[in-house]
Each structure stands twice: as C-alpha cells, then as structure tokens.
Amino acid sequence: MELLLSVSRERAGTLRGQVEQGLRTAVRDGSLRAGAVLPSTRDLAAQLGVSRKIVVDAYAQLAAEGYLTMRQGARPRVASGALRPVAEGAGPPSTPSLRFDFRPSRPDVSAFPREAWARCLREAVGEINTEDLGYGDPLGVPALRVALADHLGRTRGVVASPGLTVVTNGYLHGLGSICHALRARGARTIAIEHPGNPEQTAIAARAGLTPVRAPVDELGLRVADLPGDVDAVVVTPAHQHPTGVVLAPSRRAELIALLRSRGALAIEDDYDAEYRYDRPAVGALQGLDPEHVVYCGTTSKVLAPALRLGWLVAPPALTAALRALPELGSARVEQLAFARFVERGDLDRHLRRMRLRYRRRRDAMVAALAASLPSAELHGIAAGLHVTVALPGVVDEPALLRVARMRGIGLATLADYGHTSGRPTLILGYSQMTEARITAGVAELATLVG
C-alpha cells in the first residue's frame, strides 16, 4: 500500500517530525479521510527509505494526538474525529432526510437483481478476451450490440442491427454524442420538448447547436409549431416527461412526414416505455422510419442509474459520424455482463416483476389522491414512475415546496422543468415507497395544500 508522503535529510527538522507533519497535514486538508487505512510501519519505512523505528514513533505520536487509531494486529487508520472542520458554505449542502420521497425519475434500486447481475459479472470477468480488455470498438462490445438489437426489435419494434447499435454511458451521454455528430455534419438548430429536462438544452448548446422550444400539449409534441429551419427534434413519444402524455398517432404521422420533407432527424428518448400499466406499450417511433429517427434507451430506470449504460440505434450516416467522436465508449466488462443479462432473459424477468410492483404503487397513489386531494386533477397516461397532479389554482406553489421541505417531504413541480404558467402542478414519484407509505405521505401532503 503506497502513501503520497516524502521525507528528506536535507529538509529542516527530523525525519520523524517530517513524517508526523506530513500525515497531520494530509488529515487536516482531507487528503486522508476518516477511516482511511495507512500502510504498516514496515511498509511505510521501506517506502520512505527510513528505519522502521522512525515510523513506529511517528504513528504512536499521532495516535496520542488523536489523529490515528491503533489496534494490535491491524493497520493504523485515520481516527473518526480527526477530520478538519468544514468552513461555512464549503462543500455540498447537507440534505435533510426525507420522510416521504415523492421525487420523480428515481427507480426502486432496492429491487436491483443483485444475484443475477453478480453471476453475469463474474462470468464476464472470467471469459473476457484480450481484445475486449483493450479499447475495442468505440461503438460497444459486439456481444451486447447483438443482444440489444434482438431485444429492442422484439420488445419495442425497433428496426435494429448490431452494426447500427451504439453503447453509451446513459441517455444524456448519448444525446450529447448525437448533438456533436449532428453539428459536425452541419446541423445548427435542435428543437427540445417544453416542458422537459433542462439538461438537454444545455447539452445541445455545448455541442454548438441552437436549442429552441418545442411545445407539448395533451396530444404530445405540437409538430405544427416546430420552426421551419429545425435540423433535429428531441421527442419522448411513449411517455412525455414530465407531463405524462403519449404522442398521439396523428402527431406521430405528422412528425414523420415533417422529418422526411425537411431531411431532419428525430431523437427518440424512449422514456418509461417499459412501464405501461393500462395496455401494452406502443411501439417505438423509430420503427416507422429508421432513416430519420435515432432511438435512445438506458438502464437508469430499468435497473439502476449506477450502471451508467445506455444505447442508440442510429441511421448509417450518423453511426459513422458517432464512431469518429473521441468521447464515445463505456466500460466493457459491464457491457459483457449486461449482454449475458439480456440473453438469459434476466432483463425480461426483472421488468415483469417491476411492472407489477410499480403498478400497485401507482394504484395506491391514485387512490390516495382521490381520498385526500379530491380537488386535484391527474394528467397523463397510466405509465412510468410518476403522476402529474394539477392542484387548485389557489395553492401557492413556492410556499408549498418550502413547507414540504421543512416537513421532510420531497416534491417536484412542473416549474422545475421550465413551465411557469397555468395551474400549480406537482410531479409525484411513487416508485421508492410502499403502498402504505404513499397513502400516509399523500394524506400529510393534503394538510399542506389545505
């Protein structure tokens, strides 16, 4: 075990004093955090080129001062009380624990299939070949691209082939890559659904594109309102976030016609498509015109955000442009593990379990709202991990959020997604709480609404 520490006989002070001061400074400035394990006295002495007694005496002094904890037969550790005090305003703000967490877009990661994933990961590590241990194809490991193309064609109606399937580090990474590739091909303007994820606008702008708003109503994207010079449009046909609406069949046809007439491209975020509760999910928009639609998916809501895995299915010309990007590529061992996870049917089994779980929780949310907030109106379809709830117009939305935070209730509103007009509207996630907790949380929320 190595430690970033050095001593010199040419410096002022004894060697022991230099060891002590170097370790004190590292603890105080946070380089060595509470609980960090230090090298043994023998290892550190060899690393510094000094006698072991110097290190033994230095460790003993620091332990006496409260910087280290020493135990017979165990390596020294940084003591838990030795951290430097954090100055006011420094570091991330503390977040109070939530009693009721209604924040949207957060899957129930407690249900992550650990055993199945661990099995696939062990096999991937054991079987990975020399080529895959290198940088490999930036578009992704071939085994995963084959598995994804088969899975997406079977479950989402995507027209996919391994050669046009690209593995990413998640949806936003994929979106950024698409925007850079489009800009390299001469695109200038991209339309992004409004309201929508504000990060998308920033990503497009960083890639050199000019983002414009694409308004959404109860039928989804208002295609007729798209600017005449738009080169691309980001759309969530299956379950628009955050409004919860689905892109109507007439709008789908209208959008495809517009893309063809202008030579433009749609970037389809297949958001929440796996979780439709009232009927089978509508097939992907990409299936209508693979030459003018880029399909995007991710494991973030399906399994866990920590996996950092996503995928694209792109037209040939765009795939070639993506290959040339320097920032493309993701962890290859995890790609191989996910390929096995998909091939064995583990993904299908997990999705079936989660659909049942989330449907029960959505039903509990709808029932609780009807009982405790009968004046509220639910919008959107029975899908995804949240409900969109319009409150009576007399509710002061900012004041409600402040009081909710004080009471330990995590909320999001339509204003968080750039929508600042109309009735105050909550975006209530239900994925992270049991049915009983949802019922209790809505009842308490109702006392704040009044």
Protein backbone atom coordinates (compact mmCIF):
# COMPACT_ATOMS: atom_id res chain seq x y z
CA MET A 1 0.00 0.00 0.00
CA GLU A 2 1.52 3.32 -1.09
CA LEU A 3 1.10 6.71 0.55
CA LEU A 4 1.84 10.11 -1.03
CA LEU A 5 4.45 11.18 1.50
CA SER A 6 8.14 12.02 1.30
CA VAL A 7 10.95 12.92 3.66
CA SER A 8 14.47 14.23 3.11
CA ARG A 9 17.53 14.62 5.27
CA GLU A 10 18.17 17.93 3.52
CA ARG A 11 14.96 19.46 4.89
CA ALA A 12 14.68 21.21 8.20
CA GLY A 13 13.51 19.05 11.07
CA THR A 14 13.99 15.40 11.96
CA LEU A 15 12.79 12.58 9.72
CA ARG A 16 10.27 11.55 12.36
CA GLY A 17 8.98 15.11 12.55
CA GLN A 18 8.57 15.23 8.78
CA VAL A 19 6.54 12.01 8.81
CA GLU A 20 4.31 13.34 11.59
CA GLN A 21 3.76 16.72 9.94
CA GLY A 22 3.09 15.21 6.54
CA LEU A 23 0.41 12.94 7.96
CA ARG A 24 -1.13 15.72 10.10
CA THR A 25 -1.43 17.95 7.04
CA ALA A 26 -2.99 15.18 4.94
CA VAL A 27 -5.61 14.53 7.64
CA ARG A 28 -6.38 18.21 8.16
CA ASP A 29 -6.82 19.04 4.46
CA GLY A 30 -8.96 15.98 3.83
CA SER A 31 -6.49 14.06 1.67
CA LEU A 32 -6.68 11.30 4.28
CA ARG A 33 -10.29 10.88 5.30
CA ALA A 34 -11.71 9.41 8.48
CA GLY A 35 -11.35 5.64 8.46
CA ALA A 36 -8.63 5.58 5.78
CA VAL A 37 -6.20 2.70 6.22
CA LEU A 38 -2.49 3.57 6.38
CA PRO A 39 0.48 1.40 5.41
CA SER A 40 2.03 -0.77 8.09
CA THR A 41 5.09 0.63 9.84
CA ARG A 42 7.29 -1.80 7.90
CA ASP A 43 5.73 -0.86 4.52
CA LEU A 44 5.91 2.89 5.09
CA ALA A 45 9.50 2.70 6.35
CA ALA A 46 10.51 0.81 3.20
CA GLN A 47 8.65 3.30 1.01
CA LEU A 48 10.35 6.32 2.66
CA GLY A 49 13.77 4.71 2.99
CA VAL A 50 13.96 5.25 6.77
CA SER A 51 14.22 2.97 9.77
CA ARG A 52 11.06 1.29 10.99
CA LYS A 53 11.51 2.90 14.44
CA ILE A 54 11.02 6.36 12.94
CA VAL A 55 7.62 5.35 11.57
CA VAL A 56 6.64 3.46 14.75
CA ASP A 57 7.38 6.55 16.86
CA ALA A 58 5.59 8.87 14.40
CA TYR A 59 2.46 6.70 14.37
CA ALA A 60 2.50 6.49 18.18
CA GLN A 61 2.70 10.28 18.48
CA LEU A 62 -0.16 10.84 16.02
CA ALA A 63 -2.26 8.26 17.84
CA ALA A 64 -1.63 10.07 21.13
CA GLU A 65 -2.73 13.34 19.48
CA GLY A 66 -5.97 11.72 18.23
CA TYR A 67 -5.14 11.67 14.52
CA LEU A 68 -4.80 7.88 14.25
CA THR A 69 -6.31 4.81 15.86
CA MET A 70 -4.01 1.85 16.56
CA ARG A 71 -5.09 -1.71 17.25
CA GLN A 72 -2.99 -4.81 17.87
CA GLY A 73 -2.71 -6.88 14.68
CA ALA A 74 -4.45 -4.28 12.49
CA ARG A 75 -3.16 -1.50 10.28
CA PRO A 76 -3.42 2.08 11.56
CA ARG A 77 -6.44 4.11 10.50
CA VAL A 78 -7.29 7.80 10.46
CA ALA A 79 -9.40 8.49 13.54
CA SER A 80 -13.05 9.39 13.01
CA GLY A 81 -12.74 12.65 14.96
CA ALA A 82 -9.68 13.87 13.12
CA LEU A 83 -11.38 15.49 10.12
CA ARG A 84 -10.83 19.18 9.59
CA PRO A 85 -13.89 21.35 10.28
CA VAL A 86 -15.72 22.39 7.13
CA ALA A 87 -15.97 26.13 6.64
CA GLU A 88 -19.44 27.61 6.28
CA GLY A 89 -20.52 27.45 2.66
CA ALA A 90 -17.83 24.94 1.71
CA GLY A 91 -18.71 21.61 0.18
CA PRO A 92 -22.14 20.35 -0.82
CA PRO A 93 -25.08 21.46 1.34
CA SER A 94 -26.48 18.90 3.72
CA THR A 95 -29.77 17.37 2.64
CA PRO A 96 -32.28 16.62 5.39
CA SER A 97 -33.57 13.08 5.40
CA LEU A 98 -36.95 12.70 3.72
CA ARG A 99 -39.88 11.11 5.49
CA PHE A 100 -41.84 10.86 2.24
CA ASP A 101 -39.90 10.83 -1.04
CA PHE A 102 -42.15 11.81 -3.95
CA ARG A 103 -39.27 12.91 -6.18
CA PRO A 104 -39.77 11.56 -9.73
CA SER A 105 -37.41 9.75 -12.12
CA ARG A 106 -35.93 7.57 -9.37
CA PRO A 107 -36.35 3.80 -9.71
CA ASP A 108 -36.63 1.46 -6.74
CA VAL A 109 -32.98 0.43 -6.67
CA SER A 110 -33.63 -1.77 -3.62
CA ALA A 111 -35.12 -4.25 -6.12
CA PHE A 112 -31.91 -4.45 -8.17
CA PRO A 113 -31.37 -8.14 -9.10
CA ARG A 114 -28.04 -8.46 -7.32
CA GLU A 115 -27.59 -12.21 -7.62
CA ALA A 116 -28.36 -12.37 -11.33
CA TRP A 117 -26.17 -9.36 -12.06
CA ALA A 118 -23.30 -10.68 -9.93
CA ARG A 119 -23.44 -14.01 -11.79
CA CYS A 120 -23.30 -12.26 -15.15
CA LEU A 121 -20.47 -10.00 -13.98
CA ARG A 122 -18.40 -12.93 -12.68
CA GLU A 123 -18.79 -14.77 -15.97
CA ALA A 124 -17.92 -11.66 -17.95
CA VAL A 125 -14.70 -11.18 -15.98
CA GLY A 126 -13.80 -14.84 -16.32
CA GLU A 127 -14.48 -15.06 -20.03
CA ILE A 128 -13.42 -11.65 -21.34
CA ASN A 129 -10.88 -12.00 -24.15
CA THR A 130 -7.75 -9.99 -24.81
CA GLU A 131 -9.37 -7.82 -27.46
CA ASP A 132 -12.21 -6.76 -25.16
CA LEU A 133 -9.72 -5.87 -22.42
CA GLY A 134 -8.31 -3.26 -24.78
CA TYR A 135 -10.06 -0.13 -26.04
CA GLY A 136 -12.02 -2.09 -28.63
CA ASP A 137 -14.72 -0.75 -30.90
CA PRO A 138 -15.94 2.65 -29.57
CA LEU A 139 -19.48 1.70 -30.59
CA GLY A 140 -19.51 -1.06 -27.97
CA VAL A 141 -18.82 -4.74 -27.33
CA PRO A 142 -20.21 -6.83 -30.22
CA ALA A 143 -21.99 -9.29 -27.90
CA LEU A 144 -24.04 -6.51 -26.30
CA ARG A 145 -24.85 -4.83 -29.60
CA VAL A 146 -26.21 -8.15 -30.89
CA ALA A 147 -28.22 -8.73 -27.70
CA LEU A 148 -29.63 -5.20 -27.74
CA ALA A 149 -30.61 -5.33 -31.41
CA ASP A 150 -32.54 -8.57 -30.80
CA HIS A 151 -34.15 -7.30 -27.57
CA LEU A 152 -35.22 -3.93 -29.00
CA GLY A 153 -36.65 -5.46 -32.15
CA ARG A 154 -38.64 -7.98 -30.09
CA THR A 155 -39.91 -5.70 -27.32
CA ARG A 156 -40.04 -2.21 -28.87
CA GLY A 157 -40.42 -2.77 -32.60
CA VAL A 158 -37.10 -1.05 -33.27
CA VAL A 159 -35.53 -1.73 -36.67
CA ALA A 160 -32.05 -2.53 -35.39
CA SER A 161 -28.90 -4.28 -36.45
CA PRO A 162 -25.71 -4.72 -34.39
CA GLY A 163 -23.79 -2.52 -36.82
CA LEU A 164 -26.11 0.43 -36.16
CA THR A 165 -26.40 -0.11 -32.40
CA VAL A 166 -24.17 2.07 -30.21
CA VAL A 167 -23.49 1.57 -26.47
CA THR A 168 -23.27 4.76 -24.37
CA ASN A 169 -22.85 5.80 -20.74
CA GLY A 170 -26.53 6.62 -20.45
CA TYR A 171 -29.14 8.73 -22.20
CA LEU A 172 -27.58 12.16 -21.64
CA HIS A 173 -24.17 10.94 -22.81
CA GLY A 174 -25.84 9.51 -25.89
CA LEU A 175 -27.72 12.74 -26.53
CA GLY A 176 -24.51 14.74 -26.27
CA SER A 177 -22.79 12.40 -28.72
CA ILE A 178 -25.66 12.72 -31.20
CA CYS A 179 -25.59 16.52 -30.91
CA HIS A 180 -21.85 16.65 -31.56
CA ALA A 181 -22.21 14.31 -34.54
CA LEU A 182 -25.06 16.40 -35.95
CA ARG A 183 -23.07 19.61 -35.56
CA ALA A 184 -20.11 18.00 -37.34
CA ARG A 185 -22.47 17.23 -40.24
CA GLY A 186 -23.61 20.86 -40.44
CA ALA A 187 -26.76 20.88 -38.29
CA ARG A 188 -27.48 24.15 -36.47
CA THR A 189 -30.89 24.07 -34.77
CA ILE A 190 -32.46 21.45 -32.49
CA ALA A 191 -35.98 21.55 -31.02
CA ILE A 192 -36.44 20.19 -27.49
CA GLU A 193 -39.79 19.42 -25.87
CA HIS A 194 -41.09 22.02 -23.43
CA PRO A 195 -41.62 21.38 -20.61
CA GLY A 196 -38.79 18.87 -20.43
CA ASN A 197 -35.46 18.02 -18.88
CA PRO A 198 -33.48 21.31 -18.77
CA GLU A 199 -30.19 19.39 -19.02
CA GLN A 200 -31.00 18.56 -22.63
CA THR A 201 -30.95 22.22 -23.61
CA ALA A 202 -27.55 22.73 -22.00
CA ILE A 203 -26.13 19.60 -23.67
CA ALA A 204 -27.29 20.73 -27.11
CA ALA A 205 -25.84 24.20 -26.60
CA ARG A 206 -22.46 22.82 -25.50
CA ALA A 207 -22.34 20.81 -28.72
CA GLY A 208 -22.72 24.03 -30.73
CA LEU A 209 -26.41 23.64 -31.64
CA THR A 210 -29.05 26.30 -31.08
CA PRO A 211 -31.83 24.81 -28.92
CA VAL A 212 -35.41 26.02 -29.45
CA ARG A 213 -38.56 25.08 -27.57
CA ALA A 214 -40.96 22.50 -28.94
CA PRO A 215 -44.25 22.92 -27.04
CA VAL A 216 -46.20 19.93 -25.72
CA ASP A 217 -49.95 19.63 -25.12
CA GLU A 218 -52.32 16.79 -24.20
CA LEU A 219 -51.51 15.03 -27.51
CA GLY A 220 -47.75 15.30 -27.07
CA LEU A 221 -45.32 17.26 -29.23
CA ARG A 222 -47.04 20.03 -31.22
CA VAL A 223 -45.42 19.24 -34.54
CA ALA A 224 -47.06 22.15 -36.37
CA ASP A 225 -45.27 24.59 -34.05
CA LEU A 226 -41.75 23.38 -34.89
CA PRO A 227 -39.56 26.05 -36.53
CA GLY A 228 -39.16 25.78 -40.29
CA ASP A 229 -35.36 25.56 -40.14
CA VAL A 230 -35.07 22.89 -37.45
CA ASP A 231 -32.47 20.18 -38.15
CA ALA A 232 -33.42 17.82 -35.31
CA VAL A 233 -36.03 17.39 -32.59
CA VAL A 234 -35.87 15.59 -29.26
CA VAL A 235 -39.12 13.75 -28.51
CA THR A 236 -40.44 11.34 -25.85
CA PRO A 237 -43.31 9.56 -27.66
CA ALA A 238 -44.00 6.74 -25.18
CA HIS A 239 -44.41 8.83 -22.00
CA GLN A 240 -43.54 12.50 -22.15
CA HIS A 241 -41.58 13.72 -19.17
CA PRO A 242 -42.84 15.45 -17.11
CA THR A 243 -46.42 15.87 -18.40
CA GLY A 244 -47.04 12.11 -18.71
CA VAL A 245 -48.82 12.29 -22.09
CA VAL A 246 -48.25 9.95 -25.02
CA LEU A 247 -47.62 11.17 -28.58
CA ALA A 248 -50.91 10.72 -30.42
CA PRO A 249 -50.98 8.59 -33.61
CA SER A 250 -51.85 11.63 -35.73
CA ARG A 251 -48.88 13.52 -34.32
CA ARG A 252 -46.59 10.56 -35.00
CA ALA A 253 -47.59 10.54 -38.64
CA GLU A 254 -47.28 14.32 -38.82
CA LEU A 255 -43.79 14.23 -37.32
CA ILE A 256 -42.54 11.51 -39.68
CA ALA A 257 -43.87 13.45 -42.67
CA LEU A 258 -42.11 16.60 -41.47
CA LEU A 259 -38.79 14.78 -40.93
CA ARG A 260 -38.89 13.36 -44.43
CA SER A 261 -39.82 16.63 -46.09
CA ARG A 262 -37.03 18.58 -44.37
CA GLY A 263 -34.37 15.88 -44.18
CA ALA A 264 -34.40 16.37 -40.40
CA LEU A 265 -33.79 13.87 -37.62
CA ALA A 266 -35.83 12.94 -34.53
CA ILE A 267 -34.02 11.82 -31.38
CA GLU A 268 -36.42 9.43 -29.67
CA ASP A 269 -35.98 9.20 -25.91
CA ASP A 270 -37.95 6.01 -25.20
CA TYR A 271 -38.63 7.27 -21.68
CA ASP A 272 -40.61 4.91 -19.40
CA ALA A 273 -41.69 2.77 -22.37
CA GLU A 274 -41.09 -0.39 -20.31
CA TYR A 275 -43.70 0.67 -17.74
CA ARG A 276 -47.15 0.91 -19.27
CA TYR A 277 -49.92 -0.37 -16.97
CA ASP A 278 -53.25 0.03 -18.74
CA ARG A 279 -52.34 -1.62 -22.03
CA PRO A 280 -49.30 -2.92 -23.96
CA ALA A 281 -46.76 -0.23 -24.74
CA VAL A 282 -46.93 1.47 -28.14
CA GLY A 283 -44.04 0.52 -30.43
CA ALA A 284 -41.10 2.86 -30.86
CA LEU A 285 -41.37 5.79 -33.25
CA GLN A 286 -38.12 4.64 -34.86
CA GLY A 287 -39.91 1.63 -36.34
CA LEU A 288 -41.86 3.98 -38.63
CA ASP A 289 -38.76 5.49 -40.23
CA PRO A 290 -35.30 4.23 -39.17
CA GLU A 291 -33.61 6.65 -41.59
CA HIS A 292 -34.97 9.73 -39.82
CA VAL A 293 -35.20 8.62 -36.16
CA VAL A 294 -32.43 7.84 -33.67
CA TYR A 295 -33.67 5.53 -30.93
CA CYS A 296 -32.29 6.04 -27.37
CA GLY A 297 -32.62 3.85 -24.29
CA THR A 298 -30.94 3.37 -20.90
CA THR A 299 -30.74 1.08 -17.86
CA SER A 300 -31.21 4.01 -15.45
CA LYS A 301 -34.93 3.45 -14.82
CA VAL A 302 -34.93 -0.22 -15.82
CA LEU A 303 -32.17 -1.43 -13.46
CA ALA A 304 -30.18 1.32 -11.73
CA PRO A 305 -28.53 4.64 -12.64
CA ALA A 306 -25.23 3.38 -11.18
CA LEU A 307 -24.72 1.03 -14.14
CA ARG A 308 -24.19 4.01 -16.49
CA LEU A 309 -25.31 2.05 -19.55
CA GLY A 310 -27.37 3.28 -22.47
CA TRP A 311 -27.76 2.65 -26.18
CA LEU A 312 -28.60 4.21 -29.51
CA VAL A 313 -29.86 2.82 -32.79
CA ALA A 314 -28.91 5.32 -35.48
CA PRO A 315 -29.08 5.66 -39.28
CA PRO A 316 -25.87 4.57 -41.08
CA ALA A 317 -24.58 8.09 -41.84
CA LEU A 318 -24.98 9.19 -38.22
CA THR A 319 -23.39 5.97 -36.93
CA ALA A 320 -20.28 6.74 -38.97
CA ALA A 321 -20.16 10.27 -37.50
CA LEU A 322 -20.58 8.87 -33.97
CA ARG A 323 -17.66 6.49 -34.48
CA ALA A 324 -15.38 9.46 -35.14
CA LEU A 325 -16.14 11.12 -31.78
CA PRO A 326 -13.30 10.94 -29.22
CA GLU A 327 -15.58 10.73 -26.16
CA LEU A 328 -17.53 7.64 -27.22
CA GLY A 329 -17.11 4.36 -25.33
CA SER A 330 -18.08 2.87 -21.95
CA ALA A 331 -16.91 0.19 -19.50
CA ARG A 332 -16.52 -3.06 -21.43
CA VAL A 333 -16.74 -5.60 -18.59
CA GLU A 334 -20.16 -4.20 -17.63
CA GLN A 335 -21.20 -4.33 -21.28
CA LEU A 336 -20.39 -8.04 -21.43
CA ALA A 337 -22.24 -8.65 -18.18
CA PHE A 338 -25.30 -6.82 -19.50
CA ALA A 339 -25.17 -8.82 -22.72
CA ARG A 340 -25.46 -12.03 -20.68
CA PHE A 341 -28.20 -10.45 -18.54
CA VAL A 342 -30.26 -9.72 -21.66
CA GLU A 343 -29.54 -13.02 -23.44
CA ARG A 344 -30.56 -15.16 -20.47
CA GLY A 345 -33.91 -13.44 -20.04
CA ASP A 346 -32.92 -11.84 -16.71
CA LEU A 347 -33.92 -8.42 -18.03
CA ASP A 348 -37.36 -9.64 -19.13
CA ARG A 349 -37.97 -11.31 -15.76
CA HIS A 350 -36.89 -8.22 -13.85
CA LEU A 351 -39.16 -5.97 -15.91
CA ARG A 352 -42.16 -8.22 -15.32
CA ARG A 353 -41.58 -8.05 -11.55
CA MET A 354 -41.13 -4.28 -11.57
CA ARG A 355 -44.22 -3.61 -13.68
CA LEU A 356 -46.35 -5.37 -11.07
CA ARG A 357 -44.65 -3.52 -8.21
CA TYR A 358 -44.91 -0.09 -9.82
CA ARG A 359 -48.49 -0.65 -10.92
CA ARG A 360 -49.52 -1.43 -7.33
CA ARG A 361 -47.78 1.73 -6.16
CA ARG A 362 -49.37 3.85 -8.86
CA ASP A 363 -52.79 2.45 -7.94
CA ALA A 364 -52.09 3.36 -4.31
CA MET A 365 -51.09 6.87 -5.36
CA VAL A 366 -54.23 7.40 -7.44
CA ALA A 367 -56.46 6.09 -4.63
CA ALA A 368 -54.70 8.25 -2.03
CA LEU A 369 -55.07 11.37 -4.15
CA ALA A 370 -58.77 10.66 -4.69
CA ALA A 371 -59.26 10.27 -0.94
CA SER A 372 -57.07 13.09 0.38
CA LEU A 373 -56.93 15.59 -2.51
CA PRO A 374 -60.20 15.15 -4.43
CA SER A 375 -59.91 18.64 -5.98
CA ALA A 376 -56.62 17.71 -7.68
CA GLU A 377 -56.59 16.59 -11.31
CA LEU A 378 -54.41 13.77 -12.66
CA HIS A 379 -52.96 14.17 -16.14
CA GLY A 380 -51.16 11.75 -18.43
CA ILE A 381 -51.41 8.03 -19.03
CA ALA A 382 -51.02 5.07 -16.64
CA ALA A 383 -47.31 4.59 -17.14
CA GLY A 384 -43.87 5.35 -15.79
CA LEU A 385 -42.74 6.21 -12.29
CA HIS A 386 -44.72 9.40 -11.56
CA VAL A 387 -48.11 11.06 -11.80
CA THR A 388 -48.71 14.64 -12.88
CA VAL A 389 -51.12 16.35 -10.48
CA ALA A 390 -52.69 19.77 -11.10
CA LEU A 391 -53.66 21.48 -7.84
CA PRO A 392 -56.38 24.07 -7.24
CA GLY A 393 -55.33 27.47 -8.56
CA VAL A 394 -55.31 28.99 -5.07
CA VAL A 395 -52.27 26.95 -4.00
CA ASP A 396 -49.04 28.92 -3.58
CA GLU A 397 -46.58 26.52 -5.21
CA PRO A 398 -43.30 28.03 -3.90
CA ALA A 399 -44.71 28.24 -0.36
CA LEU A 400 -45.91 24.64 -0.59
CA LEU A 401 -42.44 23.47 -1.61
CA ARG A 402 -40.81 25.35 1.28
CA VAL A 403 -43.14 23.90 3.87
CA ALA A 404 -42.89 20.41 2.36
CA ARG A 405 -39.09 20.52 2.62
CA MET A 406 -39.36 21.56 6.26
CA ARG A 407 -41.69 18.61 6.89
CA GLY A 408 -39.39 16.13 5.18
CA ILE A 409 -41.49 15.68 2.03
CA GLY A 410 -39.59 15.52 -1.26
CA LEU A 411 -41.52 17.06 -4.17
CA ALA A 412 -41.00 18.29 -7.71
CA THR A 413 -43.20 20.66 -9.70
CA LEU A 414 -43.77 21.48 -13.33
CA ALA A 415 -41.85 24.70 -12.71
CA ASP A 416 -38.72 22.58 -12.15
CA TYR A 417 -38.94 21.69 -15.85
CA GLY A 418 -39.25 25.25 -17.10
CA HIS A 419 -43.06 25.52 -17.08
CA THR A 420 -44.08 28.69 -15.22
CA SER A 421 -47.66 29.36 -16.29
CA GLY A 422 -51.02 27.74 -15.62
CA ARG A 423 -52.18 25.85 -12.53
CA PRO A 424 -49.64 24.79 -9.91
CA THR A 425 -48.73 21.21 -10.82
CA LEU A 426 -46.85 18.57 -8.85
CA ILE A 427 -44.80 15.74 -10.36
CA LEU A 428 -45.22 12.98 -7.76
CA GLY A 429 -42.99 9.93 -7.97
CA TYR A 430 -44.24 6.72 -6.37
CA SER A 431 -41.50 4.24 -7.16
CA GLN A 432 -39.50 4.47 -3.94
CA MET A 433 -42.20 3.98 -1.30
CA THR A 434 -44.50 1.15 -0.30
CA GLU A 435 -48.24 1.50 -0.81
CA ALA A 436 -48.74 2.26 2.88
CA ARG A 437 -46.09 4.99 2.83
CA ILE A 438 -47.61 6.50 -0.30
CA THR A 439 -51.04 6.68 1.36
CA ALA A 440 -49.61 8.27 4.51
CA GLY A 441 -47.47 10.70 2.53
CA VAL A 442 -50.34 11.92 0.35
CA ALA A 443 -52.50 12.40 3.44
CA GLU A 444 -49.84 14.61 5.01
CA LEU A 445 -49.30 16.46 1.75
CA ALA A 446 -53.02 17.20 1.64
CA THR A 447 -52.78 19.01 5.01
CA LEU A 448 -50.21 21.36 3.46
CA VAL A 449 -52.30 22.04 0.36
CA GLY A 450 -55.28 22.94 2.50
